[in-house]
PDB file of all heavy atoms in Angstrom:
ATOM      1  N   ASN A   1      54.075 237.645 168.323  1.00  0.00           N
ATOM      2  CA  ASN A   1      54.037 236.181 168.271  1.00  0.00           C
ATOM      3  C   ASN A   1      55.137 235.561 169.129  1.00  0.00           C
ATOM      4  O   ASN A   1      54.958 234.500 169.718  1.00  0.00           O
ATOM      5  CB  ASN A   1      54.166 235.678 166.835  1.00  0.00           C
ATOM      6  CG  ASN A   1      52.900 235.871 166.049  1.00  0.00           C
ATOM      7  OD1 ASN A   1      51.812 235.927 166.605  1.00  0.00           O
ATOM      8  ND2 ASN A   1      53.035 235.982 164.741  1.00  0.00           N
ATOM      9  N   GLU A   2      56.265 236.233 169.172  1.00  0.00           N
ATOM     10  CA  GLU A   2      57.380 235.718 169.950  1.00  0.00           C
ATOM     11  C   GLU A   2      57.070 235.731 171.451  1.00  0.00           C
ATOM     12  O   GLU A   2      57.465 234.835 172.184  1.00  0.00           O
ATOM     13  CB  GLU A   2      58.623 236.566 169.668  1.00  0.00           C
ATOM     14  CG  GLU A   2      59.878 236.044 170.299  1.00  0.00           C
ATOM     15  CD  GLU A   2      61.091 236.867 169.916  1.00  0.00           C
ATOM     16  OE1 GLU A   2      61.123 237.403 168.789  1.00  0.00           O
ATOM     17  OE2 GLU A   2      61.993 236.982 170.749  1.00  0.00           O
ATOM     18  N   TYR A   3      56.350 236.773 171.908  1.00  0.00           N
ATOM     19  CA  TYR A   3      56.055 236.903 173.332  1.00  0.00           C
ATOM     20  C   TYR A   3      54.706 236.317 173.740  1.00  0.00           C
ATOM     21  O   TYR A   3      54.417 236.214 174.916  1.00  0.00           O
ATOM     22  CB  TYR A   3      56.118 238.382 173.746  1.00  0.00           C
ATOM     23  CG  TYR A   3      57.545 238.869 173.861  1.00  0.00           C
ATOM     24  CD1 TYR A   3      58.178 239.483 172.795  1.00  0.00           C
ATOM     25  CD2 TYR A   3      58.251 238.683 175.037  1.00  0.00           C
ATOM     26  CE1 TYR A   3      59.483 239.919 172.895  1.00  0.00           C
ATOM     27  CE2 TYR A   3      59.558 239.120 175.150  1.00  0.00           C
ATOM     28  CZ  TYR A   3      60.173 239.733 174.079  1.00  0.00           C
ATOM     29  OH  TYR A   3      61.465 240.160 174.185  1.00  0.00           O
ATOM     30  N   ALA A   4      53.912 235.931 172.791  1.00  0.00           N
ATOM     31  CA  ALA A   4      52.596 235.371 173.096  1.00  0.00           C
ATOM     32  C   ALA A   4      52.770 233.995 173.735  1.00  0.00           C
ATOM     33  O   ALA A   4      53.679 233.236 173.368  1.00  0.00           O
ATOM     34  CB  ALA A   4      51.756 235.257 171.830  1.00  0.00           C
ATOM     35  N   PRO A   5      51.921 233.652 174.688  1.00  0.00           N
ATOM     36  CA  PRO A   5      52.026 232.317 175.297  1.00  0.00           C
ATOM     37  C   PRO A   5      51.720 231.236 174.262  1.00  0.00           C
ATOM     38  O   PRO A   5      50.791 231.368 173.471  1.00  0.00           O
ATOM     39  CB  PRO A   5      50.976 232.333 176.414  1.00  0.00           C
ATOM     40  CG  PRO A   5      50.052 233.447 176.072  1.00  0.00           C
ATOM     41  CD  PRO A   5      50.829 234.428 175.253  1.00  0.00           C
ATOM     42  N   LYS A   6      52.528 230.214 174.297  1.00  0.00           N
ATOM     43  CA  LYS A   6      52.357 229.141 173.319  1.00  0.00           C
ATOM     44  C   LYS A   6      51.874 227.889 174.030  1.00  0.00           C
ATOM     45  O   LYS A   6      52.368 227.524 175.081  1.00  0.00           O
ATOM     46  CB  LYS A   6      53.674 228.872 172.617  1.00  0.00           C
ATOM     47  CG  LYS A   6      54.112 230.027 171.749  1.00  0.00           C
ATOM     48  CD  LYS A   6      55.448 229.738 171.124  1.00  0.00           C
ATOM     49  CE  LYS A   6      55.889 230.839 170.207  1.00  0.00           C
ATOM     50  NZ  LYS A   6      55.970 232.140 170.770  1.00  0.00           N
ATOM     51  N   ASP A   7      50.918 227.224 173.409  1.00  0.00           N
ATOM     52  CA  ASP A   7      50.397 225.970 173.939  1.00  0.00           C
ATOM     53  C   ASP A   7      50.945 224.826 173.092  1.00  0.00           C
ATOM     54  O   ASP A   7      50.232 224.186 172.336  1.00  0.00           O
ATOM     55  CB  ASP A   7      48.866 225.969 173.936  1.00  0.00           C
ATOM     56  CG  ASP A   7      48.312 224.741 174.624  1.00  0.00           C
ATOM     57  OD1 ASP A   7      49.019 224.168 175.468  1.00  0.00           O
ATOM     58  OD2 ASP A   7      47.183 224.355 174.293  1.00  0.00           O
ATOM     59  N   THR A   8      52.248 224.618 173.194  1.00  0.00           N
ATOM     60  CA  THR A   8      52.887 223.580 172.398  1.00  0.00           C
ATOM     61  C   THR A   8      53.249 222.367 173.243  1.00  0.00           C
ATOM     62  O   THR A   8      53.921 221.471 172.765  1.00  0.00           O
ATOM     63  CB  THR A   8      54.168 224.116 171.731  1.00  0.00           C
ATOM     64  OG1 THR A   8      55.041 224.591 172.757  1.00  0.00           O
ATOM     65  CG2 THR A   8      53.863 225.218 170.753  1.00  0.00           C
ATOM     66  N   SER A   9      52.811 222.351 174.483  1.00  0.00           N
ATOM     67  CA  SER A   9      53.201 221.248 175.346  1.00  0.00           C
ATOM     68  C   SER A   9      52.699 219.903 174.813  1.00  0.00           C
ATOM     69  O   SER A   9      53.370 218.892 174.955  1.00  0.00           O
ATOM     70  CB  SER A   9      52.695 221.475 176.761  1.00  0.00           C
ATOM     71  OG  SER A   9      51.291 221.574 176.764  1.00  0.00           O
ATOM     72  N   LYS A  10      51.525 219.899 174.206  1.00  0.00           N
ATOM     73  CA  LYS A  10      50.993 218.647 173.663  1.00  0.00           C
ATOM     74  C   LYS A  10      51.774 218.202 172.429  1.00  0.00           C
ATOM     75  O   LYS A  10      51.990 217.015 172.223  1.00  0.00           O
ATOM     76  CB  LYS A  10      49.511 218.796 173.341  1.00  0.00           C
ATOM     77  CG  LYS A  10      48.656 218.874 174.582  1.00  0.00           C
ATOM     78  CD  LYS A  10      47.188 218.883 174.266  1.00  0.00           C
ATOM     79  CE  LYS A  10      46.386 218.943 175.552  1.00  0.00           C
ATOM     80  NZ  LYS A  10      44.964 218.899 175.328  1.00  0.00           N
ATOM     81  N   VAL A  11      52.193 219.155 171.626  1.00  0.00           N
ATOM     82  CA  VAL A  11      52.989 218.815 170.448  1.00  0.00           C
ATOM     83  C   VAL A  11      54.351 218.270 170.881  1.00  0.00           C
ATOM     84  O   VAL A  11      54.847 217.283 170.323  1.00  0.00           O
ATOM     85  CB  VAL A  11      53.153 220.045 169.519  1.00  0.00           C
ATOM     86  CG1 VAL A  11      54.085 219.727 168.368  1.00  0.00           C
ATOM     87  CG2 VAL A  11      51.808 220.501 168.996  1.00  0.00           C
ATOM     88  N   VAL A  12      54.932 218.910 171.888  1.00  0.00           N
ATOM     89  CA  VAL A  12      56.211 218.427 172.410  1.00  0.00           C
ATOM     90  C   VAL A  12      56.045 217.032 172.989  1.00  0.00           C
ATOM     91  O   VAL A  12      56.873 216.145 172.765  1.00  0.00           O
ATOM     92  CB  VAL A  12      56.763 219.415 173.471  1.00  0.00           C
ATOM     93  CG1 VAL A  12      57.964 218.827 174.184  1.00  0.00           C
ATOM     94  CG2 VAL A  12      57.114 220.741 172.822  1.00  0.00           C
ATOM     95  N   ALA A  13      54.959 216.808 173.723  1.00  0.00           N
ATOM     96  CA  ALA A  13      54.693 215.481 174.285  1.00  0.00           C
ATOM     97  C   ALA A  13      54.507 214.448 173.179  1.00  0.00           C
ATOM     98  O   ALA A  13      54.969 213.304 173.301  1.00  0.00           O
ATOM     99  CB  ALA A  13      53.459 215.536 175.180  1.00  0.00           C
ATOM    100  N   LEU A  14      53.849 214.846 172.093  1.00  0.00           N
ATOM    101  CA  LEU A  14      53.648 213.936 170.964  1.00  0.00           C
ATOM    102  C   LEU A  14      54.981 213.567 170.323  1.00  0.00           C
ATOM    103  O   LEU A  14      55.228 212.398 170.011  1.00  0.00           O
ATOM    104  CB  LEU A  14      52.719 214.590 169.939  1.00  0.00           C
ATOM    105  CG  LEU A  14      52.294 213.737 168.757  1.00  0.00           C
ATOM    106  CD1 LEU A  14      51.484 212.540 169.236  1.00  0.00           C
ATOM    107  CD2 LEU A  14      51.470 214.564 167.788  1.00  0.00           C
ATOM    108  N   ARG A  15      55.852 214.553 170.155  1.00  0.00           N
ATOM    109  CA  ARG A  15      57.180 214.276 169.585  1.00  0.00           C
ATOM    110  C   ARG A  15      57.979 213.350 170.491  1.00  0.00           C
ATOM    111  O   ARG A  15      58.692 212.461 170.022  1.00  0.00           O
ATOM    112  CB  ARG A  15      57.947 215.578 169.368  1.00  0.00           C
ATOM    113  CG  ARG A  15      57.468 216.356 168.196  1.00  0.00           C
ATOM    114  CD  ARG A  15      58.356 217.538 167.915  1.00  0.00           C
ATOM    115  NE  ARG A  15      57.819 218.326 166.830  1.00  0.00           N
ATOM    116  CZ  ARG A  15      57.764 219.634 166.815  1.00  0.00           C
ATOM    117  NH1 ARG A  15      58.244 220.334 167.819  1.00  0.00           N
ATOM    118  NH2 ARG A  15      57.251 220.280 165.788  1.00  0.00           N
ATOM    119  N   LYS A  16      57.884 213.576 171.805  1.00  0.00           N
ATOM    120  CA  LYS A  16      58.613 212.723 172.743  1.00  0.00           C
ATOM    121  C   LYS A  16      58.094 211.294 172.708  1.00  0.00           C
ATOM    122  O   LYS A  16      58.885 210.343 172.768  1.00  0.00           O
ATOM    123  CB  LYS A  16      58.507 213.286 174.161  1.00  0.00           C
ATOM    124  CG  LYS A  16      59.373 214.491 174.389  1.00  0.00           C
ATOM    125  CD  LYS A  16      59.284 214.973 175.817  1.00  0.00           C
ATOM    126  CE  LYS A  16      60.156 216.197 176.027  1.00  0.00           C
ATOM    127  NZ  LYS A  16      60.076 216.708 177.404  1.00  0.00           N
ATOM    128  N   LEU A  17      56.786 211.128 172.624  1.00  0.00           N
ATOM    129  CA  LEU A  17      56.220 209.776 172.527  1.00  0.00           C
ATOM    130  C   LEU A  17      56.674 209.077 171.255  1.00  0.00           C
ATOM    131  O   LEU A  17      56.994 207.886 171.263  1.00  0.00           O
ATOM    132  CB  LEU A  17      54.695 209.834 172.572  1.00  0.00           C
ATOM    133  CG  LEU A  17      54.045 209.879 173.943  1.00  0.00           C
ATOM    134  CD1 LEU A  17      52.539 210.080 173.809  1.00  0.00           C
ATOM    135  CD2 LEU A  17      54.339 208.614 174.719  1.00  0.00           C
ATOM    136  N   ASP A  18      56.698 209.829 170.154  1.00  0.00           N
ATOM    137  CA  ASP A  18      57.145 209.261 168.881  1.00  0.00           C
ATOM    138  C   ASP A  18      58.602 208.823 168.990  1.00  0.00           C
ATOM    139  O   ASP A  18      58.966 207.726 168.559  1.00  0.00           O
ATOM    140  CB  ASP A  18      56.958 210.289 167.769  1.00  0.00           C
ATOM    141  CG  ASP A  18      57.367 209.754 166.417  1.00  0.00           C
ATOM    142  OD1 ASP A  18      56.944 208.631 166.066  1.00  0.00           O
ATOM    143  OD2 ASP A  18      58.114 210.454 165.698  1.00  0.00           O
ATOM    144  N   ALA A  19      59.437 209.668 169.573  1.00  0.00           N
ATOM    145  CA  ALA A  19      60.850 209.322 169.742  1.00  0.00           C
ATOM    146  C   ALA A  19      61.010 208.125 170.671  1.00  0.00           C
ATOM    147  O   ALA A  19      61.855 207.250 170.436  1.00  0.00           O
ATOM    148  CB  ALA A  19      61.620 210.520 170.278  1.00  0.00           C
ATOM    149  N   LYS A  20      60.189 208.069 171.715  1.00  0.00           N
ATOM    150  CA  LYS A  20      60.238 206.960 172.666  1.00  0.00           C
ATOM    151  C   LYS A  20      59.853 205.641 171.993  1.00  0.00           C
ATOM    152  O   LYS A  20      60.419 204.590 172.304  1.00  0.00           O
ATOM    153  CB  LYS A  20      59.283 207.256 173.821  1.00  0.00           C
ATOM    154  CG  LYS A  20      59.527 206.487 175.062  1.00  0.00           C
ATOM    155  CD  LYS A  20      58.592 207.025 176.152  1.00  0.00           C
ATOM    156  CE  LYS A  20      58.830 206.355 177.465  1.00  0.00           C
ATOM    157  NZ  LYS A  20      57.912 206.827 178.501  1.00  0.00           N
ATOM    158  N   ALA A  21      58.915 205.701 171.074  1.00  0.00           N
ATOM    159  CA  ALA A  21      58.492 204.494 170.355  1.00  0.00           C
ATOM    160  C   ALA A  21      59.580 203.991 169.412  1.00  0.00           C
ATOM    161  O   ALA A  21      59.724 202.790 169.205  1.00  0.00           O
ATOM    162  CB  ALA A  21      57.208 204.773 169.570  1.00  0.00           C
ATOM    163  N   LYS A  22      60.355 204.910 168.852  1.00  0.00           N
ATOM    164  CA  LYS A  22      61.377 204.541 167.859  1.00  0.00           C
ATOM    165  C   LYS A  22      62.754 204.281 168.460  1.00  0.00           C
ATOM    166  O   LYS A  22      63.606 203.680 167.807  1.00  0.00           O
ATOM    167  CB  LYS A  22      61.489 205.652 166.816  1.00  0.00           C
ATOM    168  CG  LYS A  22      60.232 205.811 165.990  1.00  0.00           C
ATOM    169  CD  LYS A  22      60.344 206.981 165.049  1.00  0.00           C
ATOM    170  CE  LYS A  22      59.051 207.156 164.244  1.00  0.00           C
ATOM    171  NZ  LYS A  22      59.096 208.339 163.387  1.00  0.00           N
ATOM    172  N   LEU A  23      62.990 204.731 169.691  1.00  0.00           N
ATOM    173  CA  LEU A  23      64.326 204.652 170.291  1.00  0.00           C
ATOM    174  C   LEU A  23      64.895 203.239 170.384  1.00  0.00           C
ATOM    175  O   LEU A  23      66.043 203.021 169.972  1.00  0.00           O
ATOM    176  CB  LEU A  23      64.323 205.323 171.668  1.00  0.00           C
ATOM    177  CG  LEU A  23      65.673 205.386 172.362  1.00  0.00           C
ATOM    178  CD1 LEU A  23      66.629 206.270 171.565  1.00  0.00           C
ATOM    179  CD2 LEU A  23      65.518 205.914 173.768  1.00  0.00           C
ATOM    180  N   PRO A  24      64.166 202.243 170.889  1.00  0.00           N
ATOM    181  CA  PRO A  24      64.766 200.900 170.971  1.00  0.00           C
ATOM    182  C   PRO A  24      65.197 200.350 169.613  1.00  0.00           C
ATOM    183  O   PRO A  24      66.255 199.732 169.496  1.00  0.00           O
ATOM    184  CB  PRO A  24      63.650 200.039 171.578  1.00  0.00           C
ATOM    185  CG  PRO A  24      62.768 200.995 172.281  1.00  0.00           C
ATOM    186  CD  PRO A  24      62.841 202.272 171.501  1.00  0.00           C
ATOM    187  N   ALA A  25      64.399 200.590 168.595  1.00  0.00           N
ATOM    188  CA  ALA A  25      64.743 200.103 167.257  1.00  0.00           C
ATOM    189  C   ALA A  25      66.000 200.798 166.741  1.00  0.00           C
ATOM    190  O   ALA A  25      66.871 200.158 166.146  1.00  0.00           O
ATOM    191  CB  ALA A  25      63.579 200.323 166.297  1.00  0.00           C
ATOM    192  N   ASN A  26      66.095 202.103 166.971  1.00  0.00           N
ATOM    193  CA  ASN A  26      67.270 202.843 166.508  1.00  0.00           C
ATOM    194  C   ASN A  26      68.534 202.392 167.229  1.00  0.00           C
ATOM    195  O   ASN A  26      69.581 202.185 166.596  1.00  0.00           O
ATOM    196  CB  ASN A  26      67.066 204.345 166.696  1.00  0.00           C
ATOM    197  CG  ASN A  26      66.079 204.911 165.716  1.00  0.00           C
ATOM    198  OD1 ASN A  26      65.861 204.357 164.643  1.00  0.00           O
ATOM    199  ND2 ASN A  26      65.458 206.013 166.071  1.00  0.00           N
ATOM    200  N   ILE A  27      68.447 202.227 168.537  1.00  0.00           N
ATOM    201  CA  ILE A  27      69.623 201.783 169.298  1.00  0.00           C
ATOM    202  C   ILE A  27      70.063 200.404 168.831  1.00  0.00           C
ATOM    203  O   ILE A  27      71.250 200.161 168.600  1.00  0.00           O
ATOM    204  CB  ILE A  27      69.316 201.781 170.812  1.00  0.00           C
ATOM    205  CG1 ILE A  27      69.202 203.218 171.320  1.00  0.00           C
ATOM    206  CG2 ILE A  27      70.391 201.026 171.591  1.00  0.00           C
ATOM    207  CD1 ILE A  27      68.744 203.335 172.750  1.00  0.00           C
ATOM    208  N   PHE A  28      69.105 199.502 168.656  1.00  0.00           N
ATOM    209  CA  PHE A  28      69.452 198.157 168.216  1.00  0.00           C
ATOM    210  C   PHE A  28      70.117 198.163 166.844  1.00  0.00           C
ATOM    211  O   PHE A  28      71.149 197.531 166.641  1.00  0.00           O
ATOM    212  CB  PHE A  28      68.210 197.258 168.169  1.00  0.00           C
ATOM    213  CG  PHE A  28      68.495 195.920 167.564  1.00  0.00           C
ATOM    214  CD1 PHE A  28      69.061 194.916 168.324  1.00  0.00           C
ATOM    215  CD2 PHE A  28      68.248 195.674 166.220  1.00  0.00           C
ATOM    216  CE1 PHE A  28      69.355 193.687 167.768  1.00  0.00           C
ATOM    217  CE2 PHE A  28      68.541 194.446 165.650  1.00  0.00           C
ATOM    218  CZ  PHE A  28      69.103 193.456 166.435  1.00  0.00           C
ATOM    219  N   THR A  29      69.518 198.884 165.902  1.00  0.00           N
ATOM    220  CA  THR A  29      70.034 198.818 164.530  1.00  0.00           C
ATOM    221  C   THR A  29      71.415 199.451 164.406  1.00  0.00           C
ATOM    222  O   THR A  29      72.268 198.946 163.684  1.00  0.00           O
ATOM    223  CB  THR A  29      69.025 199.417 163.532  1.00  0.00           C
ATOM    224  OG1 THR A  29      69.368 198.991 162.222  1.00  0.00           O
ATOM    225  CG2 THR A  29      69.005 200.921 163.560  1.00  0.00           C
ATOM    226  N   TYR A  30      71.651 200.552 165.124  1.00  0.00           N
ATOM    227  CA  TYR A  30      72.989 201.148 165.082  1.00  0.00           C
ATOM    228  C   TYR A  30      74.016 200.224 165.736  1.00  0.00           C
ATOM    229  O   TYR A  30      75.121 200.045 165.213  1.00  0.00           O
ATOM    230  CB  TYR A  30      73.003 202.514 165.768  1.00  0.00           C
ATOM    231  CG  TYR A  30      72.412 203.608 164.922  1.00  0.00           C
ATOM    232  CD1 TYR A  30      71.305 204.331 165.349  1.00  0.00           C
ATOM    233  CD2 TYR A  30      72.952 203.935 163.687  1.00  0.00           C
ATOM    234  CE1 TYR A  30      70.749 205.336 164.579  1.00  0.00           C
ATOM    235  CE2 TYR A  30      72.412 204.930 162.902  1.00  0.00           C
ATOM    236  CZ  TYR A  30      71.320 205.634 163.354  1.00  0.00           C
ATOM    237  OH  TYR A  30      70.776 206.622 162.584  1.00  0.00           O
ATOM    238  N   THR A  31      73.658 199.634 166.861  1.00  0.00           N
ATOM    239  CA  THR A  31      74.580 198.739 167.554  1.00  0.00           C
ATOM    240  C   THR A  31      74.913 197.516 166.711  1.00  0.00           C
ATOM    241  O   THR A  31      76.090 197.186 166.519  1.00  0.00           O
ATOM    242  CB  THR A  31      73.982 198.302 168.909  1.00  0.00           C
ATOM    243  OG1 THR A  31      73.657 199.471 169.672  1.00  0.00           O
ATOM    244  CG2 THR A  31      74.948 197.449 169.685  1.00  0.00           C
ATOM    245  N   LEU A  32      73.898 196.851 166.204  1.00  0.00           N
ATOM    246  CA  LEU A  32      74.143 195.664 165.378  1.00  0.00           C
ATOM    247  C   LEU A  32      74.887 196.026 164.096  1.00  0.00           C
ATOM    248  O   LEU A  32      75.778 195.292 163.663  1.00  0.00           O
ATOM    249  CB  LEU A  32      72.835 194.943 165.039  1.00  0.00           C
ATOM    250  CG  LEU A  32      72.992 193.662 164.221  1.00  0.00           C
ATOM    251  CD1 LEU A  32      73.820 192.626 164.986  1.00  0.00           C
ATOM    252  CD2 LEU A  32      71.652 193.086 163.841  1.00  0.00           C
ATOM    253  N   GLY A  33      74.553 197.148 163.500  1.00  0.00           N
ATOM    254  CA  GLY A  33      75.235 197.571 162.274  1.00  0.00           C
ATOM    255  C   GLY A  33      76.715 197.820 162.490  1.00  0.00           C
ATOM    256  O   GLY A  33      77.563 197.388 161.696  1.00  0.00           O
ATOM    257  N   ILE A  34      77.045 198.502 163.589  1.00  0.00           N
ATOM    258  CA  ILE A  34      78.458 198.783 163.880  1.00  0.00           C
ATOM    259  C   ILE A  34      79.216 197.498 164.178  1.00  0.00           C
ATOM    260  O   ILE A  34      80.313 197.271 163.653  1.00  0.00           O
ATOM    261  CB  ILE A  34      78.568 199.783 165.053  1.00  0.00           C
ATOM    262  CG1 ILE A  34      78.097 201.173 164.604  1.00  0.00           C
ATOM    263  CG2 ILE A  34      79.987 199.846 165.602  1.00  0.00           C
ATOM    264  CD1 ILE A  34      77.894 202.159 165.733  1.00  0.00           C
ATOM    265  N   ILE A  35      78.621 196.647 165.017  1.00  0.00           N
ATOM    266  CA  ILE A  35      79.286 195.384 165.364  1.00  0.00           C
ATOM    267  C   ILE A  35      79.468 194.511 164.119  1.00  0.00           C
ATOM    268  O   ILE A  35      80.536 193.922 163.900  1.00  0.00           O
ATOM    269  CB  ILE A  35      78.500 194.639 166.463  1.00  0.00           C
ATOM    270  CG1 ILE A  35      78.610 195.413 167.776  1.00  0.00           C
ATOM    271  CG2 ILE A  35      78.998 193.213 166.633  1.00  0.00           C
ATOM    272  CD1 ILE A  35      77.686 194.925 168.871  1.00  0.00           C
ATOM    273  N   SER A  36      78.450 194.441 163.281  1.00  0.00           N
ATOM    274  CA  SER A  36      78.535 193.620 162.073  1.00  0.00           C
ATOM    275  C   SER A  36      79.598 194.144 161.114  1.00  0.00           C
ATOM    276  O   SER A  36      80.357 193.364 160.528  1.00  0.00           O
ATOM    277  CB  SER A  36      77.183 193.580 161.365  1.00  0.00           C
ATOM    278  OG  SER A  36      76.215 192.977 162.178  1.00  0.00           O
ATOM    279  N   ALA A  37      79.658 195.462 160.949  1.00  0.00           N
ATOM    280  CA  ALA A  37      80.670 196.040 160.059  1.00  0.00           C
ATOM    281  C   ALA A  37      82.076 195.787 160.597  1.00  0.00           C
ATOM    282  O   ALA A  37      83.002 195.479 159.827  1.00  0.00           O
ATOM    283  CB  ALA A  37      80.419 197.537 159.899  1.00  0.00           C
ATOM    284  N   LEU A  38      82.237 195.895 161.910  1.00  0.00           N
ATOM    285  CA  LEU A  38      83.552 195.611 162.500  1.00  0.00           C
ATOM    286  C   LEU A  38      83.931 194.148 162.338  1.00  0.00           C
ATOM    287  O   LEU A  38      85.088 193.839 162.028  1.00  0.00           O
ATOM    288  CB  LEU A  38      83.564 196.009 163.976  1.00  0.00           C
ATOM    289  CG  LEU A  38      83.541 197.507 164.256  1.00  0.00           C
ATOM    290  CD1 LEU A  38      83.375 197.768 165.742  1.00  0.00           C
ATOM    291  CD2 LEU A  38      84.794 198.176 163.737  1.00  0.00           C
TER     292      LEU A  38
END
């Protein structure tokens, strides 16, 4: 199983798309949260 070719490129692409969709919200909330706490 370790040496067998894996077709995970679509799963990796799906994870990247999910992260790309959530990234602006995460950056905004962390930035505003830190500034507000300070």
